[in-house]
Amino acid sequence: MKLRNDFSDEQKALWVFDYWCHAPGKKDGYCKSNEGVSIHHIFHRDSNSTLNGIPLCFNHHTNYTFLNKSELLKIVIKHLLKINYQFNEEDIKFYKKYEQYYE
C-alpha cells in the first residue's frame, strides 16, 4: 500500500484492518468503497497528527469539501480508541486546536 502523503507508515498501519472509505455513506453508515483509498488530511496538511487522517476513496478524497469535518474527526477518534492507540504530544496539540469539532 503506497500512499502519497506525509503520514508515517506506522500511522497508515493503524487502519490496516479497516482500510476502506470512512466517509459517511450507505453501508453500515460508511461509504466502504475500496477504490483508490488513501489517507486524507481532514484539516488539509495543517498537521500530521494521527487525529487528522482518515481513509477516503478517490471520489470522497477529491470531493472532500462536502464532508462534515466534525463527523470525520469523531470517526477517527472512535477508531483510535477502539484499537487502543496511545495519543502523543502532536495529537494532544491537534485535539486542543480543534476541540470545538469534537463536541
C-alpha atoms as a PDB file:
ATOM      1  CA  MET A   1       0.000   0.000   0.000  1.00  0.00           C
ATOM      2  CA  LYS A   2       1.770   3.134  -1.217  1.00  0.00           C
ATOM      3  CA  LEU A   3       0.146   6.400  -0.191  1.00  0.00           C
ATOM      4  CA  ARG A   4       1.191   9.887  -1.255  1.00  0.00           C
ATOM      5  CA  ASN A   5       1.031  11.993   1.881  1.00  0.00           C
ATOM      6  CA  ASP A   6       3.063  12.896   4.935  1.00  0.00           C
ATOM      7  CA  PHE A   7       1.652  10.280   7.295  1.00  0.00           C
ATOM      8  CA  SER A   8       4.179   7.752   8.595  1.00  0.00           C
ATOM      9  CA  ASP A   9       3.964   4.050   7.809  1.00  0.00           C
ATOM     10  CA  GLU A  10       3.024   3.482  11.467  1.00  0.00           C
ATOM     11  CA  GLN A  11       0.092   5.897  11.152  1.00  0.00           C
ATOM     12  CA  LYS A  12      -1.098   4.243   7.938  1.00  0.00           C
ATOM     13  CA  ALA A  13      -0.850   0.822   9.573  1.00  0.00           C
ATOM     14  CA  LEU A  14      -3.381   1.888  12.227  1.00  0.00           C
ATOM     15  CA  TRP A  15      -6.041   1.476   9.534  1.00  0.00           C
ATOM     16  CA  VAL A  16      -4.750  -1.770   8.012  1.00  0.00           C
ATOM     17  CA  PHE A  17      -7.776  -3.846   9.088  1.00  0.00           C
ATOM     18  CA  ASP A  18     -10.278  -1.082   8.308  1.00  0.00           C
ATOM     19  CA  TYR A  19      -8.794   0.162   5.044  1.00  0.00           C
ATOM     20  CA  TRP A  20     -11.935   1.296   3.232  1.00  0.00           C
ATOM     21  CA  CYS A  21     -13.572   4.662   2.771  1.00  0.00           C
ATOM     22  CA  HIS A  22     -14.848   6.037   6.087  1.00  0.00           C
ATOM     23  CA  ALA A  23     -16.871   8.882   4.579  1.00  0.00           C
ATOM     24  CA  PRO A  24     -20.441   8.790   5.844  1.00  0.00           C
ATOM     25  CA  GLY A  25     -22.464   6.802   3.337  1.00  0.00           C
ATOM     26  CA  LYS A  26     -24.691   3.850   2.588  1.00  0.00           C
ATOM     27  CA  LYS A  27     -23.158   0.649   4.019  1.00  0.00           C
ATOM     28  CA  ASP A  28     -23.285   0.479   7.828  1.00  0.00           C
ATOM     29  CA  GLY A  29     -23.104   4.257   7.921  1.00  0.00           C
ATOM     30  CA  TYR A  30     -19.934   4.489   5.799  1.00  0.00           C
ATOM     31  CA  CYS A  31     -19.139   4.562   2.092  1.00  0.00           C
ATOM     32  CA  LYS A  32     -16.912   1.444   2.445  1.00  0.00           C
ATOM     33  CA  SER A  33     -15.568   1.692  -1.107  1.00  0.00           C
ATOM     34  CA  ASN A  34     -12.026   0.402  -1.501  1.00  0.00           C
ATOM     35  CA  GLU A  35     -11.448   2.133  -4.862  1.00  0.00           C
ATOM     36  CA  GLY A  36      -8.312   4.282  -4.712  1.00  0.00           C
ATOM     37  CA  VAL A  37      -8.343   4.625  -0.921  1.00  0.00           C
ATOM     38  CA  SER A  38      -5.763   6.922   0.668  1.00  0.00           C
ATOM     39  CA  ILE A  39      -5.386   8.702   3.992  1.00  0.00           C
ATOM     40  CA  HIS A  40      -6.917  12.173   3.744  1.00  0.00           C
ATOM     41  CA  HIS A  41      -5.870  15.158   5.880  1.00  0.00           C
ATOM     42  CA  ILE A  42      -9.132  16.349   7.447  1.00  0.00           C
ATOM     43  CA  PHE A  43      -7.732  19.836   8.078  1.00  0.00           C
ATOM     44  CA  HIS A  44      -5.545  19.897   4.989  1.00  0.00           C
ATOM     45  CA  ARG A  45      -1.878  19.467   5.803  1.00  0.00           C
ATOM     46  CA  ASP A  46      -2.130  21.668   8.894  1.00  0.00           C
ATOM     47  CA  SER A  47      -0.896  18.745  10.997  1.00  0.00           C
ATOM     48  CA  ASN A  48       0.318  15.184  10.504  1.00  0.00           C
ATOM     49  CA  SER A  49      -1.283  14.176  13.789  1.00  0.00           C
ATOM     50  CA  THR A  50      -2.878  10.757  13.578  1.00  0.00           C
ATOM     51  CA  LEU A  51      -6.137  12.501  14.525  1.00  0.00           C
ATOM     52  CA  ASN A  52      -6.012  14.448  11.250  1.00  0.00           C
ATOM     53  CA  GLY A  53      -6.063  11.420   8.912  1.00  0.00           C
ATOM     54  CA  ILE A  54      -8.915   9.262   7.670  1.00  0.00           C
ATOM     55  CA  PRO A  55      -9.120   6.726   4.810  1.00  0.00           C
ATOM     56  CA  LEU A  56     -11.223   8.043   1.924  1.00  0.00           C
ATOM     57  CA  CYS A  57     -11.890   6.603  -1.526  1.00  0.00           C
ATOM     58  CA  PHE A  58     -10.818   8.544  -4.591  1.00  0.00           C
ATOM     59  CA  ASN A  59     -14.305  10.016  -5.072  1.00  0.00           C
ATOM     60  CA  HIS A  60     -14.622  11.320  -1.499  1.00  0.00           C
ATOM     61  CA  HIS A  61     -10.987  12.420  -1.379  1.00  0.00           C
ATOM     62  CA  THR A  62     -11.437  14.639  -4.430  1.00  0.00           C
ATOM     63  CA  ASN A  63     -14.814  15.952  -3.181  1.00  0.00           C
ATOM     64  CA  TYR A  64     -13.889  16.315   0.495  1.00  0.00           C
ATOM     65  CA  THR A  65     -15.303  19.859   0.825  1.00  0.00           C
ATOM     66  CA  PHE A  66     -18.790  18.333   1.060  1.00  0.00           C
ATOM     67  CA  LEU A  67     -17.830  16.226   4.103  1.00  0.00           C
ATOM     68  CA  ASN A  68     -18.509  17.316   7.670  1.00  0.00           C
ATOM     69  CA  LYS A  69     -15.133  17.739   9.403  1.00  0.00           C
ATOM     70  CA  SER A  70     -16.628  17.211  12.850  1.00  0.00           C
ATOM     71  CA  GLU A  71     -18.125  13.896  11.788  1.00  0.00           C
ATOM     72  CA  LEU A  72     -14.828  12.756  10.235  1.00  0.00           C
ATOM     73  CA  LEU A  73     -12.834  13.665  13.367  1.00  0.00           C
ATOM     74  CA  LYS A  74     -15.277  11.708  15.539  1.00  0.00           C
ATOM     75  CA  ILE A  75     -14.925   8.663  13.265  1.00  0.00           C
ATOM     76  CA  VAL A  76     -11.136   8.844  13.578  1.00  0.00           C
ATOM     77  CA  ILE A  77     -11.074   9.178  17.358  1.00  0.00           C
ATOM     78  CA  LYS A  78     -13.620   6.355  17.741  1.00  0.00           C
ATOM     79  CA  HIS A  79     -11.412   4.092  15.613  1.00  0.00           C
ATOM     80  CA  LEU A  80      -8.245   5.033  17.508  1.00  0.00           C
ATOM     81  CA  LEU A  81      -9.872   4.397  20.877  1.00  0.00           C
ATOM     82  CA  LYS A  82     -11.139   1.027  19.623  1.00  0.00           C
ATOM     83  CA  ILE A  83      -7.602  -0.088  18.734  1.00  0.00           C
ATOM     84  CA  ASN A  84      -6.135   1.309  21.984  1.00  0.00           C
ATOM     85  CA  TYR A  85      -3.989   3.888  20.225  1.00  0.00           C
ATOM     86  CA  GLN A  86      -1.701   5.841  22.565  1.00  0.00           C
ATOM     87  CA  PHE A  87      -2.122   9.561  21.861  1.00  0.00           C
ATOM     88  CA  ASN A  88       1.111  11.544  21.644  1.00  0.00           C
ATOM     89  CA  GLU A  89       2.010  15.207  22.127  1.00  0.00           C
ATOM     90  CA  GLU A  90       1.229  16.127  18.497  1.00  0.00           C
ATOM     91  CA  ASP A  91      -2.216  14.506  18.826  1.00  0.00           C
ATOM     92  CA  ILE A  92      -2.967  16.405  22.027  1.00  0.00           C
ATOM     93  CA  LYS A  93      -1.915  19.686  20.400  1.00  0.00           C
ATOM     94  CA  PHE A  94      -4.145  18.940  17.391  1.00  0.00           C
ATOM     95  CA  TYR A  95      -7.092  17.995  19.629  1.00  0.00           C
ATOM     96  CA  LYS A  96      -6.801  21.213  21.639  1.00  0.00           C
ATOM     97  CA  LYS A  97      -6.661  23.298  18.463  1.00  0.00           C
ATOM     98  CA  TYR A  98      -9.812  21.690  17.022  1.00  0.00           C
ATOM     99  CA  GLU A  99     -11.635  20.599  20.178  1.00  0.00           C
ATOM    100  CA  GLN A 100     -14.795  22.513  19.213  1.00  0.00           C
ATOM    101  CA  TYR A 101     -15.236  19.958  16.375  1.00  0.00           C
ATOM    102  CA  TYR A 102     -15.325  17.063  18.845  1.00  0.00           C
ATOM    103  CA  GLU A 103     -18.306  18.403  20.828  1.00  0.00           C
END
